[in-house]
Amino acid sequence: MNSKQHPASAKEPPADSDGLLTNIEALLAEPTHQNNPLLEPLARLLAFSEEQKQQVKNLVKIADRNQSTPAVQADWEQGRLVMQGDSYPENSFEFFAQIIAWIERYLKTKDASAPLSLELRLVYLNTSSVKAMMDIFELLEIAHQQGRPISVSWYYDPHNKRVVDLADEFREDCSFPFEITADER
């Protein structure tokens, strides 16, 4: 094989997936490969990869999980906010401010018919985290009252009944769909 037939093979393999995808695109564009039986699967892979890259762009990691804070991820296109772990940060106001800011920005800039769902897998919340969650649920309730589709799914460890009680207390103040489900994973 010479480098005219396979220009990608003459180069050092790309270190990142974007370079790999670029090489696949270049191979697909070459007329000498039009009858290659791998053309269609490679084209599907490339399209799938582009879709995956777009999904990753839409995901925002708001916070990494550590001993005292939950992991928080937001997906702008899907209108989804996920929180998982314990929540007893040293400064709850500072920690939750970024989450509240994301929700407010989403509610202000996305079309009013765009749904927003909150998926919670919170294990423990201290008093200041409970207050911050009350603020979040208040924002969601106002948006729901204005016609935006809002939903909450709170998954809990079946062995932790205190979390069920807490989630149920939050649900009592909300008129939007609010599911509390045992997490069987």
N, C-alpha and C. Protein backbone atom coordinates (compact mmCIF):
# COMPACT_ATOMS: atom_id res chain seq x y z
N MET A 1 0.84 -1.18 0.00
CA MET A 1 0.00 0.00 0.00
C MET A 1 0.88 1.23 0.00
N ASN A 2 0.48 2.20 -0.79
CA ASN A 2 1.25 3.43 -0.79
C ASN A 2 0.42 4.55 -0.18
N SER A 3 1.08 5.65 0.09
CA SER A 3 0.41 6.74 0.79
C SER A 3 -0.65 7.42 -0.08
N LYS A 4 -0.61 7.25 -1.40
CA LYS A 4 -1.65 7.84 -2.25
C LYS A 4 -2.96 7.10 -2.08
N GLN A 5 -2.88 5.79 -1.86
CA GLN A 5 -4.11 5.02 -1.67
C GLN A 5 -4.68 5.22 -0.26
N HIS A 6 -3.83 5.35 0.71
CA HIS A 6 -4.26 5.43 2.10
C HIS A 6 -3.53 6.56 2.81
N PRO A 7 -3.94 7.80 2.58
CA PRO A 7 -3.20 8.91 3.19
C PRO A 7 -3.24 8.87 4.71
N ALA A 8 -4.29 8.37 5.31
CA ALA A 8 -4.36 8.34 6.77
C ALA A 8 -3.33 7.38 7.35
N SER A 9 -3.02 6.32 6.60
CA SER A 9 -2.08 5.35 7.14
C SER A 9 -0.64 5.86 7.09
N ALA A 10 -0.38 6.89 6.29
CA ALA A 10 0.97 7.44 6.20
C ALA A 10 1.28 8.33 7.39
N LYS A 11 0.23 8.79 8.09
CA LYS A 11 0.40 9.67 9.24
C LYS A 11 0.45 8.86 10.52
N GLU A 12 0.91 9.54 11.54
CA GLU A 12 0.86 8.96 12.88
C GLU A 12 -0.62 8.85 13.27
N PRO A 13 -1.07 7.80 13.92
CA PRO A 13 -2.48 7.71 14.32
C PRO A 13 -2.86 8.90 15.19
N PRO A 14 -4.07 9.41 15.01
CA PRO A 14 -4.48 10.57 15.80
C PRO A 14 -4.57 10.22 17.27
N ALA A 15 -4.22 11.17 18.10
CA ALA A 15 -4.23 10.94 19.54
C ALA A 15 -5.62 11.07 20.12
N ASP A 16 -6.49 11.81 19.43
CA ASP A 16 -7.83 12.02 19.97
C ASP A 16 -8.88 11.52 19.00
N SER A 17 -10.11 11.38 19.49
CA SER A 17 -11.18 10.86 18.65
C SER A 17 -11.52 11.81 17.53
N ASP A 18 -11.40 13.13 17.72
CA ASP A 18 -11.69 14.07 16.65
C ASP A 18 -10.75 13.83 15.47
N GLY A 19 -9.49 13.57 15.73
CA GLY A 19 -8.55 13.27 14.66
C GLY A 19 -8.92 11.97 13.97
N LEU A 20 -9.35 10.98 14.71
CA LEU A 20 -9.76 9.71 14.13
C LEU A 20 -10.96 9.92 13.22
N LEU A 21 -11.93 10.69 13.69
CA LEU A 21 -13.10 10.96 12.87
C LEU A 21 -12.73 11.72 11.60
N THR A 22 -11.77 12.62 11.71
CA THR A 22 -11.30 13.36 10.53
C THR A 22 -10.68 12.39 9.53
N ASN A 23 -9.90 11.45 10.02
CA ASN A 23 -9.29 10.45 9.13
C ASN A 23 -10.35 9.57 8.47
N ILE A 24 -11.39 9.20 9.20
CA ILE A 24 -12.47 8.41 8.62
C ILE A 24 -13.17 9.22 7.53
N GLU A 25 -13.43 10.49 7.82
CA GLU A 25 -14.06 11.36 6.81
C GLU A 25 -13.21 11.42 5.55
N ALA A 26 -11.90 11.56 5.71
CA ALA A 26 -11.00 11.64 4.56
C ALA A 26 -11.03 10.34 3.76
N LEU A 27 -11.03 9.22 4.44
CA LEU A 27 -11.10 7.93 3.75
C LEU A 27 -12.41 7.78 2.98
N LEU A 28 -13.50 8.19 3.60
CA LEU A 28 -14.80 8.06 2.94
C LEU A 28 -14.90 8.95 1.70
N ALA A 29 -14.21 10.07 1.71
CA ALA A 29 -14.27 11.01 0.60
C ALA A 29 -13.44 10.56 -0.60
N GLU A 30 -12.51 9.65 -0.41
CA GLU A 30 -11.65 9.20 -1.51
C GLU A 30 -12.42 8.34 -2.50
N PRO A 31 -12.33 8.68 -3.78
CA PRO A 31 -13.05 7.89 -4.80
C PRO A 31 -12.60 6.43 -4.84
N THR A 32 -11.37 6.13 -4.49
CA THR A 32 -10.89 4.75 -4.54
C THR A 32 -11.59 3.84 -3.54
N HIS A 33 -12.28 4.43 -2.58
CA HIS A 33 -12.95 3.64 -1.54
C HIS A 33 -14.45 3.51 -1.76
N GLN A 34 -14.98 4.00 -2.88
CA GLN A 34 -16.42 4.00 -3.10
C GLN A 34 -17.03 2.60 -3.14
N ASN A 35 -16.27 1.60 -3.53
CA ASN A 35 -16.79 0.23 -3.59
C ASN A 35 -16.39 -0.60 -2.37
N ASN A 36 -15.79 0.01 -1.41
CA ASN A 36 -15.34 -0.70 -0.22
C ASN A 36 -16.56 -1.12 0.60
N PRO A 37 -16.66 -2.40 0.98
CA PRO A 37 -17.82 -2.86 1.77
C PRO A 37 -17.89 -2.22 3.16
N LEU A 38 -16.80 -1.64 3.62
CA LEU A 38 -16.82 -0.97 4.93
C LEU A 38 -17.33 0.46 4.86
N LEU A 39 -17.58 0.96 3.65
CA LEU A 39 -17.99 2.35 3.48
C LEU A 39 -19.26 2.67 4.26
N GLU A 40 -20.29 1.85 4.10
CA GLU A 40 -21.56 2.13 4.78
C GLU A 40 -21.43 2.05 6.31
N PRO A 41 -20.81 0.99 6.87
CA PRO A 41 -20.66 0.96 8.34
C PRO A 41 -19.83 2.13 8.87
N LEU A 42 -18.79 2.52 8.13
CA LEU A 42 -17.98 3.67 8.57
C LEU A 42 -18.79 4.95 8.52
N ALA A 43 -19.60 5.12 7.50
CA ALA A 43 -20.44 6.31 7.39
C ALA A 43 -21.44 6.35 8.54
N ARG A 44 -22.03 5.21 8.90
CA ARG A 44 -22.96 5.16 10.03
C ARG A 44 -22.24 5.48 11.33
N LEU A 45 -21.03 4.94 11.49
CA LEU A 45 -20.24 5.22 12.68
C LEU A 45 -19.95 6.72 12.79
N LEU A 46 -19.59 7.31 11.67
CA LEU A 46 -19.28 8.73 11.67
C LEU A 46 -20.51 9.55 12.05
N ALA A 47 -21.66 9.21 11.48
CA ALA A 47 -22.90 9.93 11.81
C ALA A 47 -23.25 9.75 13.28
N PHE A 48 -23.10 8.53 13.77
CA PHE A 48 -23.38 8.27 15.18
C PHE A 48 -22.43 9.07 16.07
N SER A 49 -21.18 9.13 15.68
CA SER A 49 -20.20 9.87 16.46
C SER A 49 -20.53 11.35 16.50
N GLU A 50 -20.99 11.91 15.39
CA GLU A 50 -21.38 13.32 15.36
C GLU A 50 -22.55 13.56 16.30
N GLU A 51 -23.51 12.63 16.29
CA GLU A 51 -24.66 12.74 17.19
C GLU A 51 -24.19 12.68 18.65
N GLN A 52 -23.28 11.76 18.94
CA GLN A 52 -22.76 11.63 20.29
C GLN A 52 -22.00 12.88 20.71
N LYS A 53 -21.20 13.44 19.80
CA LYS A 53 -20.46 14.66 20.12
C LYS A 53 -21.43 15.79 20.46
N GLN A 54 -22.53 15.90 19.73
CA GLN A 54 -23.51 16.94 20.00
C GLN A 54 -24.14 16.72 21.38
N GLN A 55 -24.45 15.47 21.70
CA GLN A 55 -25.03 15.18 23.01
C GLN A 55 -24.07 15.55 24.13
N VAL A 56 -22.79 15.27 23.95
CA VAL A 56 -21.80 15.61 24.97
C VAL A 56 -21.69 17.12 25.11
N LYS A 57 -21.76 17.85 24.00
CA LYS A 57 -21.71 19.31 24.07
C LYS A 57 -22.88 19.85 24.89
N ASN A 58 -24.04 19.19 24.79
CA ASN A 58 -25.22 19.64 25.50
C ASN A 58 -25.16 19.33 26.99
N LEU A 59 -24.32 18.38 27.37
CA LEU A 59 -24.18 18.03 28.78
C LEU A 59 -23.24 19.02 29.46
N VAL A 60 -23.63 19.45 30.60
CA VAL A 60 -22.78 20.36 31.36
C VAL A 60 -22.59 19.75 32.73
N LYS A 61 -21.35 19.58 33.11
CA LYS A 61 -21.08 19.10 34.46
C LYS A 61 -21.01 20.34 35.34
N ILE A 62 -22.01 20.50 36.16
CA ILE A 62 -22.06 21.67 37.03
C ILE A 62 -21.15 21.46 38.23
N ALA A 63 -21.13 20.25 38.74
CA ALA A 63 -20.29 19.98 39.91
C ALA A 63 -19.90 18.51 39.94
N ASP A 64 -18.66 18.26 40.33
CA ASP A 64 -18.21 16.90 40.55
C ASP A 64 -18.66 16.46 41.94
N ARG A 65 -18.90 15.19 42.06
CA ARG A 65 -19.27 14.65 43.36
C ARG A 65 -18.01 14.55 44.22
N ASN A 66 -18.15 14.94 45.47
CA ASN A 66 -17.09 14.69 46.43
C ASN A 66 -17.75 14.23 47.72
N GLN A 67 -17.01 14.18 48.78
CA GLN A 67 -17.55 13.65 50.03
C GLN A 67 -18.78 14.42 50.52
N SER A 68 -18.81 15.74 50.29
CA SER A 68 -19.90 16.53 50.85
C SER A 68 -20.82 17.18 49.82
N THR A 69 -20.59 16.94 48.54
CA THR A 69 -21.46 17.53 47.52
C THR A 69 -21.86 16.48 46.48
N PRO A 70 -23.08 16.62 45.97
CA PRO A 70 -23.52 15.68 44.94
C PRO A 70 -22.91 16.02 43.58
N ALA A 71 -22.86 15.03 42.72
CA ALA A 71 -22.51 15.28 41.32
C ALA A 71 -23.74 15.92 40.69
N VAL A 72 -23.51 16.90 39.82
CA VAL A 72 -24.62 17.58 39.17
C VAL A 72 -24.30 17.69 37.68
N GLN A 73 -25.20 17.17 36.86
CA GLN A 73 -25.06 17.28 35.41
C GLN A 73 -26.34 17.86 34.84
N ALA A 74 -26.17 18.71 33.82
CA ALA A 74 -27.32 19.31 33.17
C ALA A 74 -27.23 19.05 31.67
N ASP A 75 -28.35 18.74 31.08
CA ASP A 75 -28.44 18.54 29.64
C ASP A 75 -29.42 19.56 29.09
N TRP A 76 -28.88 20.59 28.45
CA TRP A 76 -29.68 21.71 27.96
C TRP A 76 -30.70 21.26 26.93
N GLU A 77 -30.28 20.46 25.97
CA GLU A 77 -31.18 20.04 24.89
C GLU A 77 -32.30 19.14 25.40
N GLN A 78 -31.99 18.27 26.34
CA GLN A 78 -33.00 17.36 26.88
C GLN A 78 -33.80 18.01 28.01
N GLY A 79 -33.33 19.16 28.51
CA GLY A 79 -34.03 19.80 29.61
C GLY A 79 -34.01 18.93 30.85
N ARG A 80 -32.81 18.50 31.19
CA ARG A 80 -32.68 17.52 32.29
C ARG A 80 -31.55 17.94 33.22
N LEU A 81 -31.82 17.89 34.50
CA LEU A 81 -30.84 18.19 35.53
C LEU A 81 -30.79 16.98 36.46
N VAL A 82 -29.58 16.46 36.68
CA VAL A 82 -29.40 15.25 37.50
C VAL A 82 -28.49 15.59 38.67
N MET A 83 -28.93 15.21 39.86
CA MET A 83 -28.12 15.39 41.07
C MET A 83 -28.03 14.06 41.78
N GLN A 84 -26.80 13.71 42.19
CA GLN A 84 -26.60 12.39 42.81
C GLN A 84 -25.55 12.46 43.90
N GLY A 85 -25.90 11.96 45.08
CA GLY A 85 -24.94 11.86 46.18
C GLY A 85 -25.42 12.56 47.44
N ASP A 86 -24.50 12.77 48.36
CA ASP A 86 -24.78 13.48 49.61
C ASP A 86 -24.65 14.98 49.38
N SER A 87 -25.37 15.75 50.21
CA SER A 87 -25.27 17.20 50.09
C SER A 87 -25.18 17.84 51.48
N TYR A 88 -23.94 18.11 51.87
CA TYR A 88 -23.70 18.88 53.09
C TYR A 88 -22.46 19.75 52.89
N PRO A 89 -22.49 20.58 51.83
CA PRO A 89 -21.32 21.41 51.54
C PRO A 89 -21.09 22.44 52.64
N GLU A 90 -19.84 22.87 52.73
CA GLU A 90 -19.49 23.90 53.71
C GLU A 90 -20.26 25.18 53.44
N ASN A 91 -20.43 25.52 52.16
CA ASN A 91 -21.17 26.71 51.79
C ASN A 91 -22.26 26.32 50.78
N SER A 92 -23.43 25.97 51.30
CA SER A 92 -24.53 25.53 50.44
C SER A 92 -24.96 26.61 49.47
N PHE A 93 -24.97 27.85 49.93
CA PHE A 93 -25.39 28.95 49.06
C PHE A 93 -24.51 29.00 47.82
N GLU A 94 -23.21 28.94 48.02
CA GLU A 94 -22.26 28.99 46.90
C GLU A 94 -22.43 27.77 45.99
N PHE A 95 -22.57 26.59 46.58
CA PHE A 95 -22.70 25.38 45.78
C PHE A 95 -23.98 25.41 44.95
N PHE A 96 -25.11 25.70 45.57
CA PHE A 96 -26.39 25.65 44.88
C PHE A 96 -26.64 26.85 43.97
N ALA A 97 -25.89 27.93 44.16
CA ALA A 97 -26.07 29.12 43.31
C ALA A 97 -25.87 28.78 41.84
N GLN A 98 -24.88 27.94 41.53
CA GLN A 98 -24.63 27.58 40.14
C GLN A 98 -25.75 26.71 39.57
N ILE A 99 -26.35 25.89 40.39
CA ILE A 99 -27.47 25.05 39.95
C ILE A 99 -28.70 25.91 39.71
N ILE A 100 -28.97 26.79 40.64
CA ILE A 100 -30.11 27.70 40.50
C ILE A 100 -29.93 28.60 39.29
N ALA A 101 -28.71 29.07 39.06
CA ALA A 101 -28.43 29.92 37.89
C ALA A 101 -28.71 29.16 36.59
N TRP A 102 -28.32 27.88 36.53
CA TRP A 102 -28.58 27.09 35.33
C TRP A 102 -30.08 26.96 35.10
N ILE A 103 -30.82 26.66 36.16
CA ILE A 103 -32.28 26.50 36.05
C ILE A 103 -32.91 27.82 35.59
N GLU A 104 -32.53 28.92 36.21
CA GLU A 104 -33.08 30.23 35.83
C GLU A 104 -32.78 30.55 34.37
N ARG A 105 -31.54 30.30 33.94
CA ARG A 105 -31.15 30.56 32.56
C ARG A 105 -31.96 29.68 31.60
N TYR A 106 -32.12 28.42 31.95
CA TYR A 106 -32.92 27.50 31.12
C TYR A 106 -34.35 28.01 31.01
N LEU A 107 -34.94 28.36 32.14
CA LEU A 107 -36.34 28.80 32.14
C LEU A 107 -36.53 30.10 31.37
N LYS A 108 -35.53 30.97 31.36
CA LYS A 108 -35.64 32.25 30.66
C LYS A 108 -35.37 32.13 29.17
N THR A 109 -34.47 31.23 28.76
CA THR A 109 -34.05 31.22 27.36
C THR A 109 -34.67 30.11 26.53
N LYS A 110 -35.07 29.03 27.13
CA LYS A 110 -35.70 27.95 26.36
C LYS A 110 -37.18 28.30 26.13
N ASP A 111 -37.71 27.80 25.03
CA ASP A 111 -39.12 27.98 24.72
C ASP A 111 -39.96 27.51 25.91
N ALA A 112 -41.04 28.22 26.18
CA ALA A 112 -41.87 27.90 27.36
C ALA A 112 -42.49 26.51 27.30
N SER A 113 -42.54 25.91 26.12
CA SER A 113 -43.09 24.56 26.03
C SER A 113 -42.02 23.49 26.24
N ALA A 114 -40.75 23.91 26.33
CA ALA A 114 -39.65 22.95 26.54
C ALA A 114 -39.71 22.42 27.97
N PRO A 115 -39.80 21.10 28.13
CA PRO A 115 -39.90 20.54 29.48
C PRO A 115 -38.58 20.62 30.24
N LEU A 116 -38.71 20.62 31.54
CA LEU A 116 -37.54 20.55 32.42
C LEU A 116 -37.80 19.44 33.42
N SER A 117 -36.88 18.50 33.48
CA SER A 117 -37.02 17.40 34.44
C SER A 117 -35.81 17.38 35.36
N LEU A 118 -36.08 17.08 36.59
CA LEU A 118 -35.06 16.99 37.62
C LEU A 118 -35.02 15.55 38.09
N GLU A 119 -33.83 14.93 37.99
CA GLU A 119 -33.65 13.56 38.45
C GLU A 119 -32.74 13.61 39.67
N LEU A 120 -33.25 13.14 40.78
CA LEU A 120 -32.51 13.20 42.03
C LEU A 120 -32.20 11.81 42.55
N ARG A 121 -30.98 11.64 42.98
CA ARG A 121 -30.54 10.43 43.68
C ARG A 121 -29.75 10.91 44.89
N LEU A 122 -30.43 11.72 45.69
CA LEU A 122 -29.78 12.32 46.85
C LEU A 122 -29.95 11.40 48.05
N VAL A 123 -28.87 11.23 48.78
CA VAL A 123 -28.85 10.30 49.90
C VAL A 123 -29.06 11.02 51.22
N TYR A 124 -28.37 12.14 51.38
CA TYR A 124 -28.45 12.91 52.62
C TYR A 124 -28.37 14.39 52.26
N LEU A 125 -29.19 15.21 52.93
CA LEU A 125 -29.14 16.67 52.76
C LEU A 125 -29.11 17.31 54.14
N ASN A 126 -28.16 18.24 54.31
CA ASN A 126 -28.17 18.99 55.57
C ASN A 126 -29.22 20.10 55.47
N THR A 127 -29.40 20.83 56.55
CA THR A 127 -30.44 21.84 56.62
C THR A 127 -30.31 22.91 55.54
N SER A 128 -29.10 23.39 55.30
CA SER A 128 -28.93 24.43 54.29
C SER A 128 -29.15 23.88 52.87
N SER A 129 -28.86 22.61 52.65
CA SER A 129 -29.14 22.00 51.35
C SER A 129 -30.65 21.83 51.16
N VAL A 130 -31.35 21.49 52.24
CA VAL A 130 -32.81 21.39 52.17
C VAL A 130 -33.40 22.74 51.78
N LYS A 131 -32.89 23.81 52.37
CA LYS A 131 -33.35 25.17 52.03
C LYS A 131 -33.09 25.47 50.56
N ALA A 132 -31.92 25.12 50.06
CA ALA A 132 -31.60 25.35 48.65
C ALA A 132 -32.53 24.55 47.74
N MET A 133 -32.83 23.32 48.13
CA MET A 133 -33.74 22.50 47.33
C MET A 133 -35.15 23.11 47.35
N MET A 134 -35.54 23.68 48.47
CA MET A 134 -36.83 24.37 48.54
C MET A 134 -36.86 25.52 47.54
N ASP A 135 -35.76 26.26 47.43
CA ASP A 135 -35.66 27.35 46.45
C ASP A 135 -35.79 26.82 45.03
N ILE A 136 -35.14 25.69 44.76
CA ILE A 136 -35.22 25.08 43.43
C ILE A 136 -36.65 24.65 43.13
N PHE A 137 -37.30 23.99 44.07
CA PHE A 137 -38.67 23.54 43.84
C PHE A 137 -39.62 24.73 43.68
N GLU A 138 -39.34 25.82 44.36
CA GLU A 138 -40.15 27.03 44.20
C GLU A 138 -40.02 27.58 42.78
N LEU A 139 -38.79 27.61 42.26
CA LEU A 139 -38.58 28.03 40.86
C LEU A 139 -39.35 27.13 39.90
N LEU A 140 -39.27 25.83 40.14
CA LEU A 140 -39.96 24.88 39.27
C LEU A 140 -41.47 25.02 39.37
N GLU A 141 -41.97 25.28 40.57
CA GLU A 141 -43.41 25.45 40.76
C GLU A 141 -43.92 26.69 40.01
N ILE A 142 -43.18 27.78 40.09
CA ILE A 142 -43.57 29.00 39.37
C ILE A 142 -43.60 28.73 37.87
N ALA A 143 -42.57 28.06 37.35
CA ALA A 143 -42.52 27.74 35.92
C ALA A 143 -43.69 26.84 35.53
N HIS A 144 -44.01 25.88 36.38
CA HIS A 144 -45.13 24.98 36.12
C HIS A 144 -46.44 25.77 36.10
N GLN A 145 -46.61 26.67 37.03
CA GLN A 145 -47.83 27.49 37.08
C GLN A 145 -47.97 28.37 35.84
N GLN A 146 -46.83 28.69 35.21
CA GLN A 146 -46.83 29.50 33.98
C GLN A 146 -46.97 28.63 32.73
N GLY A 147 -47.15 27.32 32.91
CA GLY A 147 -47.41 26.43 31.79
C GLY A 147 -46.27 25.57 31.31
N ARG A 148 -45.11 25.70 31.91
CA ARG A 148 -43.98 24.87 31.46
C ARG A 148 -44.13 23.46 32.03
N PRO A 149 -43.89 22.44 31.19
CA PRO A 149 -43.90 21.06 31.70
C PRO A 149 -42.69 20.83 32.62
N ILE A 150 -42.96 20.49 33.85
CA ILE A 150 -41.92 20.24 34.86
C ILE A 150 -42.18 18.88 35.47
N SER A 151 -41.11 18.15 35.75
CA SER A 151 -41.27 16.88 36.46
C SER A 151 -40.04 16.62 37.32
N VAL A 152 -40.27 15.90 38.40
CA VAL A 152 -39.19 15.49 39.30
C VAL A 152 -39.30 13.99 39.51
N SER A 153 -38.17 13.33 39.41
CA SER A 153 -38.08 11.90 39.74
C SER A 153 -37.01 11.77 40.81
N TRP A 154 -37.41 11.36 41.98
CA TRP A 154 -36.48 11.21 43.11
C TRP A 154 -36.33 9.73 43.37
N TYR A 155 -35.13 9.22 43.14
CA TYR A 155 -34.82 7.81 43.37
C TYR A 155 -34.10 7.68 44.71
N TYR A 156 -34.51 6.70 45.48
CA TYR A 156 -33.93 6.55 46.82
C TYR A 156 -33.52 5.11 47.07
N ASP A 157 -32.59 4.95 47.98
CA ASP A 157 -32.15 3.64 48.44
C ASP A 157 -33.29 3.07 49.29
N PRO A 158 -33.79 1.88 48.95
CA PRO A 158 -34.91 1.31 49.70
C PRO A 158 -34.64 1.13 51.20
N HIS A 159 -33.37 1.14 51.59
CA HIS A 159 -33.02 1.00 53.00
C HIS A 159 -32.96 2.34 53.73
N ASN A 160 -33.18 3.43 53.03
CA ASN A 160 -33.07 4.77 53.62
C ASN A 160 -34.45 5.44 53.60
N LYS A 161 -35.24 5.16 54.62
CA LYS A 161 -36.61 5.68 54.68
C LYS A 161 -36.65 7.18 54.99
N ARG A 162 -35.58 7.73 55.59
CA ARG A 162 -35.56 9.17 55.87
C ARG A 162 -35.61 9.99 54.59
N VAL A 163 -34.94 9.50 53.57
CA VAL A 163 -34.95 10.22 52.29
C VAL A 163 -36.34 10.20 51.67
N VAL A 164 -37.05 9.08 51.81
CA VAL A 164 -38.41 8.99 51.30
C VAL A 164 -39.28 10.04 52.00
N ASP A 165 -39.15 10.16 53.31
CA ASP A 165 -39.93 11.14 54.06
C ASP A 165 -39.61 12.56 53.62
N LEU A 166 -38.34 12.85 53.41
CA LEU A 166 -37.93 14.18 52.96
C LEU A 166 -38.49 14.47 51.57
N ALA A 167 -38.34 13.53 50.66
CA ALA A 167 -38.86 13.72 49.30
C ALA A 167 -40.37 13.93 49.33
N ASP A 168 -41.05 13.17 50.18
CA ASP A 168 -42.50 13.30 50.28
C ASP A 168 -42.89 14.68 50.82
N GLU A 169 -42.12 15.22 51.75
CA GLU A 169 -42.39 16.57 52.25
C GLU A 169 -42.25 17.60 51.14
N PHE A 170 -41.22 17.46 50.31
CA PHE A 170 -41.05 18.36 49.17
C PHE A 170 -42.22 18.23 48.21
N ARG A 171 -42.62 17.00 47.93
CA ARG A 171 -43.69 16.75 46.96
C ARG A 171 -45.01 17.40 47.39
N GLU A 172 -45.27 17.45 48.69
CA GLU A 172 -46.52 18.04 49.19
C GLU A 172 -46.70 19.48 48.74
N ASP A 173 -45.61 20.20 48.51
CA ASP A 173 -45.69 21.62 48.13
C ASP A 173 -45.64 21.83 46.62
N CYS A 174 -45.63 20.76 45.85
CA CYS A 174 -45.49 20.87 44.39
C CYS A 174 -46.73 20.36 43.69
N SER A 175 -47.15 21.08 42.66
CA SER A 175 -48.31 20.64 41.88
C SER A 175 -47.90 19.94 40.58
N PHE A 176 -46.61 19.96 40.24
CA PHE A 176 -46.13 19.27 39.05
C PHE A 176 -45.86 17.80 39.37
N PRO A 177 -45.75 16.95 38.33
CA PRO A 177 -45.47 15.52 38.57
C PRO A 177 -44.18 15.33 39.37
N PHE A 178 -44.27 14.57 40.44
CA PHE A 178 -43.15 14.38 41.36
C PHE A 178 -43.19 12.92 41.81
N GLU A 179 -42.34 12.11 41.20
CA GLU A 179 -42.31 10.68 41.51
C GLU A 179 -41.22 10.39 42.54
N ILE A 180 -41.53 9.50 43.45
CA ILE A 180 -40.56 9.02 44.43
C ILE A 180 -40.50 7.50 44.25
N THR A 181 -39.33 7.02 43.83
CA THR A 181 -39.20 5.63 43.41
C THR A 181 -37.98 4.97 44.04
N ALA A 182 -38.16 3.75 44.52
CA ALA A 182 -37.00 2.99 45.04
C ALA A 182 -36.03 2.72 43.90
N ASP A 183 -34.77 2.98 44.15
CA ASP A 183 -33.71 2.76 43.17
C ASP A 183 -33.21 1.35 43.33
N GLU A 184 -33.52 0.51 42.37
CA GLU A 184 -33.17 -0.91 42.46
C GLU A 184 -31.81 -1.22 41.82
N ARG A 185 -31.05 -0.20 41.45
CA ARG A 185 -29.75 -0.49 40.80
C ARG A 185 -28.74 -0.95 41.79
